[in-house]
N, C-alpha and C. Protein backbone atom coordinates (compact mmCIF):
# COMPACT_ATOMS: atom_id res chain seq x y z
N MET A 1 99.95 77.89 117.42
CA MET A 1 98.82 77.65 118.35
C MET A 1 98.72 76.20 117.58
N SER A 2 98.45 75.10 118.85
CA SER A 2 98.44 73.63 118.28
C SER A 2 97.30 73.37 118.12
N ILE A 3 97.23 71.91 117.45
CA ILE A 3 96.08 71.04 117.25
C ILE A 3 95.52 70.52 118.09
N SER A 4 94.13 70.54 118.15
CA SER A 4 93.39 69.57 119.01
C SER A 4 93.75 68.38 119.65
N LYS A 5 92.38 67.83 120.38
CA LYS A 5 93.02 66.09 120.65
C LYS A 5 91.96 65.88 119.63
N PHE A 6 92.42 64.11 119.15
CA PHE A 6 91.85 63.68 118.09
C PHE A 6 90.26 63.60 118.43
N ASP A 7 90.01 63.09 119.84
CA ASP A 7 88.86 62.26 120.12
C ASP A 7 87.74 63.86 120.21
N GLU A 8 88.20 64.88 119.74
CA GLU A 8 87.77 66.32 120.57
C GLU A 8 87.48 67.48 118.72
N LEU A 9 87.72 66.42 117.95
CA LEU A 9 87.77 67.00 116.64
C LEU A 9 86.39 66.79 115.51
N PRO A 10 85.66 67.52 114.80
CA PRO A 10 84.45 67.16 114.53
C PRO A 10 84.43 65.89 113.88
N LYS A 11 83.19 64.94 114.44
CA LYS A 11 83.24 63.47 114.09
C LYS A 11 83.72 63.23 112.50
N ILE A 12 83.43 64.59 111.13
CA ILE A 12 83.82 63.85 110.05
C ILE A 12 85.14 63.46 110.23
N MET A 13 86.00 64.13 110.71
CA MET A 13 87.48 64.41 110.87
C MET A 13 87.86 63.02 111.75
N GLN A 14 87.02 62.80 112.23
CA GLN A 14 87.67 61.46 112.80
C GLN A 14 87.93 60.26 112.34
N ASN A 15 89.08 60.50 111.10
CA ASN A 15 88.94 59.02 110.14
C ASN A 15 90.00 58.64 110.14
N TYR A 16 90.63 57.72 109.32
CA TYR A 16 92.17 56.79 108.99
C TYR A 16 92.89 57.73 108.40
N ALA A 17 91.94 58.48 107.49
CA ALA A 17 93.11 59.40 106.72
C ALA A 17 93.32 60.22 107.37
N VAL A 18 92.85 61.17 107.80
CA VAL A 18 92.90 62.30 109.07
C VAL A 18 93.71 61.56 110.27
N LYS A 19 93.59 61.15 110.48
CA LYS A 19 94.98 60.03 111.42
C LYS A 19 96.31 60.32 111.08
N GLN A 20 96.73 59.99 109.43
CA GLN A 20 97.94 59.69 109.26
C GLN A 20 98.79 61.07 109.42
N TYR A 21 97.65 62.39 109.32
CA TYR A 21 98.40 63.54 108.71
C TYR A 21 98.75 64.05 110.49
N TYR A 22 97.39 64.01 111.18
CA TYR A 22 97.33 64.03 112.92
C TYR A 22 98.32 63.49 113.31
N ASP A 23 98.80 62.32 113.55
CA ASP A 23 100.03 61.57 113.61
C ASP A 23 101.18 62.41 113.50
N ILE A 24 101.44 63.24 112.33
CA ILE A 24 102.85 63.79 111.47
C ILE A 24 102.59 64.88 112.06
N LEU A 25 101.90 65.83 112.42
CA LEU A 25 101.48 67.29 112.94
C LEU A 25 101.71 67.13 114.73
N LYS A 26 101.31 66.37 115.34
CA LYS A 26 101.38 65.88 116.82
C LYS A 26 102.73 66.51 117.36
N THR A 27 103.93 65.31 116.32
CA THR A 27 104.75 65.97 116.51
C THR A 27 105.81 67.19 115.90
N LYS A 28 104.95 68.04 115.56
CA LYS A 28 105.39 69.59 114.95
C LYS A 28 105.11 70.94 116.11
N GLN A 29 104.08 70.00 117.36
CA GLN A 29 103.97 71.00 118.49
C GLN A 29 104.55 72.47 118.15
N THR A 30 106.05 72.18 118.60
CA THR A 30 106.71 73.47 118.93
C THR A 30 107.08 74.14 117.48
N THR A 31 106.65 73.39 116.48
CA THR A 31 106.73 74.27 114.99
C THR A 31 105.60 75.33 114.89
N LEU A 32 104.05 74.66 115.53
CA LEU A 32 102.80 75.43 115.27
C LEU A 32 103.18 76.12 115.69
N VAL A 33 103.40 76.30 116.84
CA VAL A 33 103.89 77.13 118.40
C VAL A 33 104.47 78.59 117.58
N ILE A 34 105.61 78.44 116.90
CA ILE A 34 106.79 79.19 116.63
C ILE A 34 106.13 79.94 115.73
N LYS A 35 105.41 79.02 114.61
CA LYS A 35 104.72 79.12 113.46
C LYS A 35 103.60 80.61 113.76
N HIS A 36 102.64 80.54 114.91
CA HIS A 36 101.59 81.21 115.16
C HIS A 36 102.71 82.75 115.65
N ILE A 37 103.76 82.36 116.44
CA ILE A 37 104.10 83.64 117.06
C ILE A 37 104.96 84.89 115.61
N VAL A 38 105.13 84.14 114.62
CA VAL A 38 106.26 84.12 113.52
C VAL A 38 105.42 85.37 112.59
N ASP A 39 103.78 84.33 112.83
CA ASP A 39 102.94 85.34 111.74
C ASP A 39 102.09 86.03 112.66
N VAL A 40 101.99 86.23 113.98
CA VAL A 40 101.67 87.94 114.08
C VAL A 40 102.21 88.33 113.96
N LEU A 41 103.37 88.39 114.36
CA LEU A 41 104.74 89.54 114.36
C LEU A 41 105.00 90.26 112.78
N ILE A 42 105.23 89.25 112.53
CA ILE A 42 105.12 89.51 110.53
C ILE A 42 104.39 90.64 109.85
N CYS A 43 102.83 90.22 110.27
CA CYS A 43 101.72 90.86 109.45
C CYS A 43 101.80 91.65 110.37
N GLY A 44 101.86 91.77 111.88
CA GLY A 44 101.53 93.20 112.69
C GLY A 44 102.84 94.52 112.24
N VAL A 45 104.03 93.77 111.87
CA VAL A 45 104.80 95.02 110.84
C VAL A 45 104.12 95.27 109.46
N ILE A 46 104.12 94.36 108.81
CA ILE A 46 103.51 94.45 107.68
C ILE A 46 102.22 95.79 107.66
N PHE A 47 101.78 95.12 108.56
CA PHE A 47 100.00 96.06 108.83
C PHE A 47 100.30 97.68 109.32
N ILE A 48 101.36 97.51 110.54
CA ILE A 48 102.04 99.24 110.65
C ILE A 48 102.39 99.80 109.14
N ILE A 49 103.47 99.22 108.43
CA ILE A 49 104.17 99.85 107.44
C ILE A 49 102.91 100.02 106.52
N THR A 50 102.18 99.33 105.94
CA THR A 50 101.13 99.39 104.55
C THR A 50 99.76 100.31 105.33
N LEU A 51 99.88 100.74 106.18
CA LEU A 51 98.75 101.28 106.96
C LEU A 51 97.84 102.72 106.07
N PRO A 52 99.22 103.10 104.92
CA PRO A 52 98.87 104.33 104.87
C PRO A 52 98.06 103.91 103.11
N PHE A 53 98.56 103.01 102.73
CA PHE A 53 97.87 102.38 101.56
C PHE A 53 96.26 101.13 101.63
N PHE A 54 96.27 101.16 102.91
CA PHE A 54 95.09 100.44 103.62
C PHE A 54 94.02 101.27 103.44
N ILE A 55 94.27 103.21 103.98
CA ILE A 55 93.64 104.35 103.72
C ILE A 55 92.91 104.81 102.56
N ILE A 56 94.08 104.88 101.67
CA ILE A 56 94.01 105.31 100.21
C ILE A 56 93.14 104.39 99.57
N PHE A 57 93.77 102.92 99.98
CA PHE A 57 92.39 102.36 98.67
C PHE A 57 91.27 102.33 99.37
N SER A 58 90.93 102.44 100.62
CA SER A 58 89.51 102.16 101.42
C SER A 58 88.90 103.61 100.69
N VAL A 59 89.43 104.74 100.94
CA VAL A 59 88.90 105.67 99.86
C VAL A 59 88.86 105.49 98.78
N LEU A 60 89.51 105.24 97.64
CA LEU A 60 89.49 104.96 96.36
C LEU A 60 88.27 103.75 96.19
N ILE A 61 87.86 102.67 97.13
CA ILE A 61 86.82 102.02 96.54
C ILE A 61 85.62 102.71 97.18
N LYS A 62 85.70 103.74 98.20
CA LYS A 62 84.44 104.39 98.34
C LYS A 62 83.73 105.53 97.30
N LEU A 63 84.75 105.97 96.60
CA LEU A 63 84.40 106.97 95.51
C LEU A 63 83.96 106.12 94.75
N THR A 64 84.59 105.13 94.00
CA THR A 64 84.47 104.65 92.83
C THR A 64 83.35 103.46 92.56
N SER A 65 82.67 103.03 93.96
CA SER A 65 81.98 102.07 93.90
C SER A 65 81.02 101.94 94.60
N ARG A 66 79.47 102.17 94.85
CA ARG A 66 79.06 101.80 95.86
C ARG A 66 78.88 100.40 96.12
N GLY A 67 79.07 100.80 98.01
CA GLY A 67 79.15 99.14 98.89
C GLY A 67 79.94 100.00 100.04
N PRO A 68 80.78 98.75 100.65
CA PRO A 68 81.34 98.48 102.04
C PRO A 68 83.09 98.72 101.21
N VAL A 69 83.98 98.65 102.05
CA VAL A 69 84.96 98.89 101.98
C VAL A 69 85.61 97.64 101.44
N PHE A 70 85.37 96.28 102.67
CA PHE A 70 85.63 95.32 102.64
C PHE A 70 84.71 94.13 102.44
N PHE A 71 85.03 93.29 101.93
CA PHE A 71 84.42 92.20 101.17
C PHE A 71 84.59 90.40 102.25
N LYS A 72 83.35 90.67 103.14
CA LYS A 72 83.22 89.90 104.06
C LYS A 72 82.45 88.44 103.50
N GLN A 73 83.79 87.37 103.78
CA GLN A 73 82.75 86.17 103.62
C GLN A 73 83.46 84.61 104.20
N GLU A 74 82.01 84.02 104.72
CA GLU A 74 82.50 83.03 105.12
C GLU A 74 82.46 82.22 104.96
N ARG A 75 83.92 81.54 105.80
CA ARG A 75 84.81 80.51 104.93
C ARG A 75 84.98 79.09 105.95
N ILE A 76 85.44 78.43 106.09
CA ILE A 76 85.78 77.32 106.77
C ILE A 76 87.11 77.03 107.11
N GLY A 77 87.55 76.82 108.59
CA GLY A 77 88.78 77.18 108.99
C GLY A 77 89.23 76.02 109.77
N LYS A 78 90.71 76.00 110.78
CA LYS A 78 90.73 74.92 111.58
C LYS A 78 89.20 74.21 112.60
N ASP A 79 89.30 72.86 112.11
CA ASP A 79 88.76 72.04 112.99
C ASP A 79 87.63 72.68 112.66
N LEU A 80 86.85 73.12 111.26
CA LEU A 80 85.89 72.67 110.16
C LEU A 80 85.26 74.15 111.01
N LYS A 81 85.87 74.88 111.82
CA LYS A 81 84.76 76.24 112.56
C LYS A 81 85.33 77.54 111.35
N THR A 82 83.60 77.86 111.72
CA THR A 82 83.43 78.97 110.17
C THR A 82 84.15 80.59 110.98
N PHE A 83 84.85 81.34 110.19
CA PHE A 83 85.25 82.32 110.09
C PHE A 83 84.58 83.74 109.23
N HIS A 84 84.85 84.77 108.99
CA HIS A 84 84.49 85.89 107.83
C HIS A 84 86.43 86.38 107.45
N ILE A 85 86.19 86.02 106.50
CA ILE A 85 87.78 86.39 105.50
C ILE A 85 87.45 87.71 105.03
N LEU A 86 88.31 88.67 105.22
CA LEU A 86 88.67 89.96 104.95
C LEU A 86 88.95 89.89 103.19
N LYS A 87 88.69 91.11 102.51
CA LYS A 87 89.21 91.14 101.26
C LYS A 87 88.87 92.72 100.77
N PHE A 88 89.43 93.60 100.19
CA PHE A 88 89.09 94.61 100.01
C PHE A 88 87.89 94.41 98.82
N ARG A 89 86.68 94.97 98.69
CA ARG A 89 85.75 94.70 97.90
C ARG A 89 86.38 95.12 96.65
N THR A 90 86.76 94.02 95.31
CA THR A 90 86.71 94.50 94.23
C THR A 90 85.46 94.22 93.39
N MET A 91 84.39 93.79 93.31
CA MET A 91 83.19 93.55 92.81
C MET A 91 81.93 94.43 93.26
N VAL A 92 80.83 94.68 92.78
CA VAL A 92 79.73 95.60 92.84
C VAL A 92 78.93 95.14 94.36
N LYS A 93 78.20 95.65 94.48
CA LYS A 93 77.78 95.45 96.13
C LYS A 93 76.96 94.00 96.16
N ASP A 94 76.77 93.26 96.90
CA ASP A 94 75.92 91.96 96.53
C ASP A 94 76.30 90.94 95.31
N ALA A 95 77.62 90.91 95.06
CA ALA A 95 77.82 90.24 94.31
C ALA A 95 77.55 88.87 94.11
N GLU A 96 77.29 88.26 95.28
CA GLU A 96 77.80 86.96 95.27
C GLU A 96 75.89 86.24 95.23
N LYS A 97 74.65 87.37 95.27
CA LYS A 97 73.99 87.18 94.36
C LYS A 97 73.53 87.16 92.94
N LYS A 98 74.92 87.73 92.47
CA LYS A 98 74.16 87.72 91.28
C LYS A 98 75.07 86.85 90.24
N GLY A 99 75.81 85.58 90.77
CA GLY A 99 76.57 84.70 90.20
C GLY A 99 77.24 83.77 91.38
N ILE A 100 78.27 82.97 90.75
CA ILE A 100 78.89 81.76 91.35
C ILE A 100 79.76 82.55 92.25
N GLN A 101 80.09 81.65 93.68
CA GLN A 101 81.16 82.05 94.20
C GLN A 101 82.53 81.93 93.47
N LEU A 102 82.67 81.47 92.17
CA LEU A 102 83.95 81.48 91.90
C LEU A 102 84.46 82.75 91.04
N THR A 103 85.40 83.60 90.85
CA THR A 103 85.77 84.37 90.24
C THR A 103 86.69 84.43 88.97
N ASN A 104 86.37 84.88 87.82
CA ASN A 104 87.65 84.68 86.75
C ASN A 104 87.94 86.04 86.19
N GLY A 105 88.66 86.03 85.48
CA GLY A 105 89.33 87.88 85.00
C GLY A 105 87.78 88.45 84.54
N ASN A 106 87.26 88.06 83.71
CA ASN A 106 86.23 88.22 82.93
C ASN A 106 85.29 88.76 83.36
N ASP A 107 85.17 88.46 84.72
CA ASP A 107 83.78 88.54 85.28
C ASP A 107 82.94 89.93 85.15
N SER A 108 81.69 89.96 84.91
CA SER A 108 81.54 91.73 85.04
C SER A 108 81.19 92.18 86.30
N ARG A 109 80.96 91.33 86.96
CA ARG A 109 80.93 92.10 88.82
C ARG A 109 82.00 93.07 89.23
N ILE A 110 83.20 92.61 88.22
CA ILE A 110 84.52 93.34 88.92
C ILE A 110 84.34 94.64 88.56
N THR A 111 84.60 95.51 89.88
CA THR A 111 85.15 97.08 89.15
C THR A 111 86.10 97.24 88.59
N PRO A 112 86.11 98.75 88.11
CA PRO A 112 87.32 98.70 87.44
C PRO A 112 88.34 98.94 88.28
N PHE A 113 88.05 99.68 89.27
CA PHE A 113 89.66 100.16 90.58
C PHE A 113 89.32 98.43 90.93
N GLY A 114 88.75 97.72 91.23
CA GLY A 114 88.63 96.06 92.28
C GLY A 114 89.66 95.33 90.66
N LYS A 115 88.95 95.84 89.57
CA LYS A 115 90.08 95.45 88.64
C LYS A 115 91.64 95.01 88.45
N PHE A 116 91.97 97.25 89.14
CA PHE A 116 93.20 97.40 89.77
C PHE A 116 93.79 96.49 90.33
N LEU A 117 93.22 96.44 91.59
CA LEU A 117 93.72 96.06 92.67
C LEU A 117 94.25 94.73 92.54
N ARG A 118 93.23 93.89 91.97
CA ARG A 118 93.33 92.61 91.71
C ARG A 118 94.76 92.31 91.16
N GLY A 119 94.84 93.34 90.04
CA GLY A 119 96.33 93.34 88.87
C GLY A 119 97.69 93.40 89.54
N ILE A 120 97.27 94.25 90.69
CA ILE A 120 98.50 94.57 91.62
C ILE A 120 98.81 93.70 92.76
N ASN A 121 97.74 92.34 93.13
CA ASN A 121 97.78 91.20 94.04
C ASN A 121 97.44 92.06 95.36
N MET A 122 96.82 93.08 95.68
CA MET A 122 96.80 94.06 96.83
C MET A 122 94.87 93.38 97.02
N ASP A 123 94.35 93.06 96.63
CA ASP A 123 92.90 92.58 96.97
C ASP A 123 92.68 91.69 98.08
N GLU A 124 93.90 91.04 98.73
CA GLU A 124 93.89 89.94 100.07
C GLU A 124 94.69 90.97 101.10
N MET A 125 94.69 91.74 100.91
CA MET A 125 95.85 92.44 101.99
C MET A 125 94.96 92.72 103.44
N PRO A 126 93.50 92.78 103.30
CA PRO A 126 93.23 92.72 104.68
C PRO A 126 93.18 91.86 105.41
N GLN A 127 93.37 90.54 105.20
CA GLN A 127 93.68 88.86 105.04
C GLN A 127 94.92 89.23 106.49
N LEU A 128 95.73 90.03 106.65
CA LEU A 128 96.95 90.44 107.42
C LEU A 128 95.95 90.50 108.75
N LEU A 129 94.41 90.82 108.96
CA LEU A 129 93.88 91.34 110.24
C LEU A 129 93.33 89.91 110.14
N ASN A 130 93.10 89.06 109.61
CA ASN A 130 92.71 87.55 109.85
C ASN A 130 93.38 86.78 110.66
N VAL A 131 95.03 86.96 110.05
CA VAL A 131 96.29 86.73 110.50
C VAL A 131 96.36 87.04 112.10
N ILE A 132 96.28 88.17 112.21
CA ILE A 132 96.75 89.00 113.74
C ILE A 132 95.48 88.69 114.38
N LYS A 133 94.26 88.47 114.21
CA LYS A 133 93.21 87.58 114.57
C LYS A 133 93.31 86.26 115.25
N GLY A 134 94.23 85.37 114.36
CA GLY A 134 93.98 83.99 115.05
C GLY A 134 93.11 83.23 113.98
N ASP A 135 92.32 83.80 113.16
CA ASP A 135 91.66 82.90 112.48
C ASP A 135 92.53 82.18 111.22
N MET A 136 93.86 83.22 110.81
CA MET A 136 94.21 82.30 109.82
C MET A 136 95.99 82.35 109.87
N SER A 137 96.71 81.90 109.12
CA SER A 137 98.28 81.70 109.28
C SER A 137 98.54 82.45 107.67
N ILE A 138 100.06 83.02 108.10
CA ILE A 138 100.67 83.39 106.72
C ILE A 138 100.44 81.92 105.34
N ILE A 139 101.07 81.08 105.95
CA ILE A 139 101.43 80.24 104.97
C ILE A 139 100.26 78.57 105.07
N GLY A 140 99.26 77.95 104.88
CA GLY A 140 98.37 77.36 104.68
C GLY A 140 97.68 76.93 103.54
N THR A 141 96.94 76.20 103.83
CA THR A 141 95.82 76.04 102.32
C THR A 141 94.85 76.85 102.79
N ARG A 142 94.57 77.49 101.32
CA ARG A 142 93.23 78.43 101.19
C ARG A 142 91.97 78.57 101.76
N PRO A 143 91.74 78.84 102.39
CA PRO A 143 90.38 78.11 102.84
C PRO A 143 89.11 78.56 101.94
N GLU A 144 88.17 77.63 101.83
CA GLU A 144 87.56 77.55 101.53
C GLU A 144 86.18 78.11 101.69
N VAL A 145 84.78 78.07 100.79
CA VAL A 145 83.71 78.52 101.33
C VAL A 145 82.88 76.89 101.70
N LYS A 146 81.71 76.54 102.40
CA LYS A 146 81.76 75.76 103.14
C LYS A 146 80.89 74.84 101.21
N ARG A 147 80.62 75.36 100.63
CA ARG A 147 80.31 74.41 99.50
C ARG A 147 81.33 73.75 98.65
N TYR A 148 82.36 73.98 99.09
CA TYR A 148 83.60 72.71 98.40
C TYR A 148 84.02 72.48 99.24
N VAL A 149 84.01 73.02 100.60
CA VAL A 149 84.47 71.98 101.78
C VAL A 149 83.70 70.29 101.52
N ASP A 150 82.03 70.89 101.64
CA ASP A 150 81.31 69.37 101.75
C ASP A 150 81.61 68.44 100.55
N ILE A 151 82.40 68.58 99.84
CA ILE A 151 83.22 67.57 98.52
C ILE A 151 84.56 67.33 98.86
N TYR A 152 84.64 67.47 100.25
CA TYR A 152 86.53 67.18 100.62
C TYR A 152 86.06 65.62 100.44
N THR A 153 87.22 65.08 100.31
CA THR A 153 87.83 63.42 100.50
C THR A 153 87.90 63.71 102.43
N ASP A 154 87.90 62.08 102.37
CA ASP A 154 88.34 62.05 104.25
C ASP A 154 89.96 62.39 104.05
N GLU A 155 90.90 63.07 103.39
CA GLU A 155 92.31 63.06 103.58
C GLU A 155 92.12 64.11 103.23
N MET A 156 91.52 65.00 102.19
CA MET A 156 91.39 66.56 102.55
C MET A 156 91.18 67.10 103.48
N LEU A 157 90.29 67.18 104.49
CA LEU A 157 89.87 67.01 105.60
C LEU A 157 91.04 67.45 106.53
N ALA A 158 92.43 66.48 106.13
CA ALA A 158 93.22 66.83 106.73
C ALA A 158 93.64 68.30 106.83
N THR A 159 93.59 69.22 105.75
CA THR A 159 94.00 70.32 105.65
C THR A 159 93.08 71.24 106.87
N LEU A 160 92.49 70.88 107.44
CA LEU A 160 91.90 71.48 108.50
C LEU A 160 92.29 70.99 109.81
N LEU A 161 93.21 70.36 109.91
CA LEU A 161 93.68 70.81 111.49
C LEU A 161 94.63 71.63 111.85
N ILE A 162 95.00 72.17 110.51
CA ILE A 162 95.69 73.32 110.80
C ILE A 162 94.82 74.91 110.84
N LYS A 163 95.99 75.93 110.67
CA LYS A 163 94.77 76.77 110.49
C LYS A 163 95.07 77.51 108.96
N PRO A 164 93.93 77.75 108.39
CA PRO A 164 93.93 77.72 106.73
C PRO A 164 95.04 79.14 106.67
N GLY A 165 95.51 79.59 105.05
CA GLY A 165 96.74 80.37 105.16
C GLY A 165 96.53 81.59 104.22
N MET A 166 97.03 82.55 104.32
CA MET A 166 96.73 83.77 102.75
C MET A 166 97.57 83.24 101.57
N VAL A 167 98.81 82.21 101.88
CA VAL A 167 99.25 81.85 100.85
C VAL A 167 99.83 80.33 100.79
N SER A 168 99.88 79.62 99.85
CA SER A 168 100.70 78.24 100.05
C SER A 168 101.18 78.35 98.84
N LEU A 169 101.87 76.68 98.37
CA LEU A 169 102.63 76.64 97.57
C LEU A 169 101.26 76.21 96.40
N ALA A 170 100.36 75.73 96.72
CA ALA A 170 99.02 75.33 95.43
C ALA A 170 98.84 76.80 94.92
N SER A 171 98.76 78.17 95.95
CA SER A 171 98.60 79.26 95.26
C SER A 171 99.35 79.60 93.96
N VAL A 172 100.71 79.58 94.42
CA VAL A 172 101.80 79.69 93.68
C VAL A 172 101.81 78.84 92.33
N LYS A 173 101.44 77.47 92.64
CA LYS A 173 100.88 76.50 91.19
C LYS A 173 100.17 76.81 90.64
N TYR A 174 98.96 77.91 90.86
CA TYR A 174 97.96 77.88 90.39
C TYR A 174 98.17 79.58 90.53
N LYS A 175 99.00 80.42 89.83
CA LYS A 175 98.66 81.40 90.47
C LYS A 175 97.87 82.14 88.74
N ASN A 176 97.32 81.14 87.72
CA ASN A 176 96.95 81.86 86.58
C ASN A 176 95.37 80.77 86.85
N GLU A 177 94.88 80.46 87.58
CA GLU A 177 94.31 80.23 87.99
C GLU A 177 92.62 81.00 87.34
N ASN A 178 92.73 81.71 87.39
CA ASN A 178 91.88 82.61 86.87
C ASN A 178 91.68 82.36 85.30
N ASP A 179 93.01 82.58 84.89
CA ASP A 179 93.02 82.51 83.12
C ASP A 179 92.39 81.14 82.77
N MET A 180 92.53 80.32 83.48
CA MET A 180 92.04 78.88 83.16
C MET A 180 90.54 78.43 83.44
N LEU A 181 89.92 79.58 84.44
CA LEU A 181 88.39 79.22 84.40
C LEU A 181 87.89 80.47 83.40
N THR A 182 88.50 81.32 83.13
CA THR A 182 88.51 82.26 81.85
C THR A 182 87.97 81.45 80.83
N SER A 183 88.86 80.89 80.53
CA SER A 183 88.77 80.35 79.10
C SER A 183 87.77 79.14 79.53
N ALA A 184 87.53 78.36 80.61
CA ALA A 184 86.20 77.44 80.64
C ALA A 184 84.62 77.77 80.25
N SER A 185 84.28 76.36 79.77
CA SER A 185 82.99 76.31 79.27
C SER A 185 81.99 76.39 80.76
N ASN A 186 82.54 75.78 81.74
CA ASN A 186 81.91 75.53 83.00
C ASN A 186 83.30 75.92 84.12
N PRO A 187 83.40 77.13 84.59
CA PRO A 187 84.58 77.64 85.46
C PRO A 187 84.33 76.85 86.56
N GLU A 188 82.99 76.28 86.96
CA GLU A 188 82.84 75.54 88.49
C GLU A 188 83.34 74.31 88.37
N GLN A 189 82.79 73.35 87.44
CA GLN A 189 83.29 71.92 87.21
C GLN A 189 84.60 71.91 87.51
N VAL A 190 85.29 72.71 86.67
CA VAL A 190 86.90 72.59 85.95
C VAL A 190 87.36 72.79 87.21
N TYR A 191 86.57 73.53 88.12
CA TYR A 191 87.48 73.88 90.05
C TYR A 191 87.08 72.60 90.88
N ILE A 192 86.01 72.20 90.71
CA ILE A 192 85.94 70.59 91.11
C ILE A 192 86.56 69.57 90.83
N ASP A 193 86.26 69.38 89.06
CA ASP A 193 87.57 68.29 89.19
C ASP A 193 88.88 67.96 88.53
N ASP A 194 89.30 69.52 88.20
CA ASP A 194 90.14 69.22 88.20
C ASP A 194 91.37 70.12 88.70
N ILE A 195 90.93 71.58 89.48
CA ILE A 195 91.87 72.66 89.95
C ILE A 195 92.32 72.41 91.47
N LEU A 196 90.83 71.97 92.21
CA LEU A 196 90.67 71.27 93.89
C LEU A 196 91.44 70.08 93.87
N PRO A 197 91.21 69.16 93.43
CA PRO A 197 92.11 67.98 93.54
C PRO A 197 93.68 67.97 93.93
N ASP A 198 93.82 68.94 92.54
CA ASP A 198 95.38 68.95 92.05
C ASP A 198 96.31 70.11 93.55
N LYS A 199 95.22 70.84 93.74
CA LYS A 199 95.64 71.93 94.89
C LYS A 199 95.78 71.10 96.28
N MET A 200 95.10 70.35 96.06
CA MET A 200 94.86 69.56 97.39
C MET A 200 96.43 68.44 97.40
N LYS A 201 96.68 68.14 96.54
CA LYS A 201 97.86 67.16 96.51
C LYS A 201 99.31 67.84 97.37
N TYR A 202 99.36 69.64 96.53
CA TYR A 202 100.34 70.24 97.19
C TYR A 202 100.10 70.70 98.65
N ASN A 203 98.84 71.05 99.24
CA ASN A 203 98.35 70.95 100.50
C ASN A 203 98.73 70.16 101.24
N LEU A 204 98.22 68.93 101.10
CA LEU A 204 98.12 67.91 102.06
C LEU A 204 99.74 67.44 101.74
N GLU A 205 101.09 67.50 100.90
CA GLU A 205 102.33 67.46 100.69
C GLU A 205 102.84 68.60 101.58
N TYR A 206 102.80 69.53 101.71
CA TYR A 206 102.94 70.40 102.66
C TYR A 206 102.97 69.98 103.84
N LEU A 207 101.64 70.00 104.71
CA LEU A 207 101.15 69.11 105.96
C LEU A 207 102.74 68.12 106.52
N LYS A 208 102.90 67.00 105.55
CA LYS A 208 103.99 66.04 105.53
C LYS A 208 105.19 66.46 106.27
N HIS A 209 105.38 68.06 105.40
CA HIS A 209 106.88 68.69 105.69
C HIS A 209 106.62 69.93 106.27
N LEU A 210 106.12 69.94 107.02
CA LEU A 210 105.76 71.25 107.82
C LEU A 210 106.89 71.30 108.54
N SER A 211 107.43 72.65 108.30
CA SER A 211 108.60 73.68 108.98
C SER A 211 109.07 75.03 108.67
N MET A 212 109.30 75.81 109.66
CA MET A 212 109.45 77.21 109.25
C MET A 212 110.28 77.55 108.52
N LYS A 213 111.37 76.46 107.97
CA LYS A 213 111.69 76.21 106.31
C LYS A 213 111.31 76.51 105.36
N GLU A 214 110.34 76.02 105.27
CA GLU A 214 109.63 75.30 104.31
C GLU A 214 108.83 76.69 103.56
N ASP A 215 107.84 76.98 104.88
CA ASP A 215 106.95 78.39 105.03
C ASP A 215 107.76 79.40 104.84
N PHE A 216 109.31 79.61 104.75
CA PHE A 216 109.80 80.82 104.29
C PHE A 216 110.29 80.51 103.14
N SER A 217 110.34 78.99 102.56
CA SER A 217 110.35 78.91 101.04
C SER A 217 109.30 79.32 100.35
N ILE A 218 107.83 78.88 100.97
CA ILE A 218 106.85 79.25 100.21
C ILE A 218 106.43 80.93 100.16
N LEU A 219 107.06 81.08 101.36
CA LEU A 219 106.89 82.67 101.22
C LEU A 219 107.72 83.49 99.67
N GLY A 220 109.43 83.10 100.02
CA GLY A 220 109.97 83.20 98.93
C GLY A 220 108.98 83.45 97.38
N LYS A 221 108.61 82.41 97.71
CA LYS A 221 108.68 81.70 96.16
C LYS A 221 106.77 82.40 95.44
N THR A 222 106.24 82.95 96.94
CA THR A 222 104.66 84.18 96.40
C THR A 222 105.43 85.42 96.17
N ILE A 223 106.42 85.56 96.76
CA ILE A 223 107.12 87.28 96.18
C ILE A 223 107.46 87.28 95.16
N ALA A 224 108.20 86.03 94.94
CA ALA A 224 109.08 85.89 93.38
C ALA A 224 107.84 86.20 92.37
N CYS A 225 106.64 85.26 92.78
CA CYS A 225 105.67 85.25 92.00
C CYS A 225 104.88 86.96 91.69
N VAL A 226 104.78 87.23 92.61
CA VAL A 226 103.93 88.63 92.53
C VAL A 226 104.32 89.69 91.35
N PHE A 227 105.74 89.26 92.18
CA PHE A 227 106.97 90.62 91.05
C PHE A 227 107.15 90.16 89.95
N LYS A 228 107.34 88.36 89.87
CA LYS A 228 107.18 88.91 88.14
C LYS A 228 106.34 88.99 87.47
């Protein structure tokens, strides 16, 4: 899927910093089309293979806690458009009304089975459907809620030129993010002041070197990280 015309982007994204990345991505239109095709093919195959796990996890979620199987949350995607990200519900019903939008390992809102799903990194599995639908890509900047997008710098907004991803190099580098937030006296402030800006350095660097080779490299590092 190609990037939008610069003058059709939301006004806030039509700034000098974004334009530098826009010009780079404009030369990678063919790569972006191939990237979209590969995303749909890979996620389609993985979804079919893992369908039994989808069913098993769904049943166990319903049996072990009250509430829906999926957790749906509005996130900001390509060109500042909103979409609903999907996850297996790992927290109590209406958890967002009972605390902040960040979650750490000791969060009392996490259900016992939810803790298990998080421990084996399977709570994000339903995002395969987000990729198939076209809201997300396999590799790309992790989508944020509006609350945090509102504090993006002009340069950070460049990450919204393409679809957000299920995984990124930033998510590999910050695989222990939950532990960092758990030990912080003010988790949200640590995220805003320290973690988010550093993650964005990796995300912006990805835009400069976007290629299928880079995508497969990040995917390989992610798989290694999960198994480790």
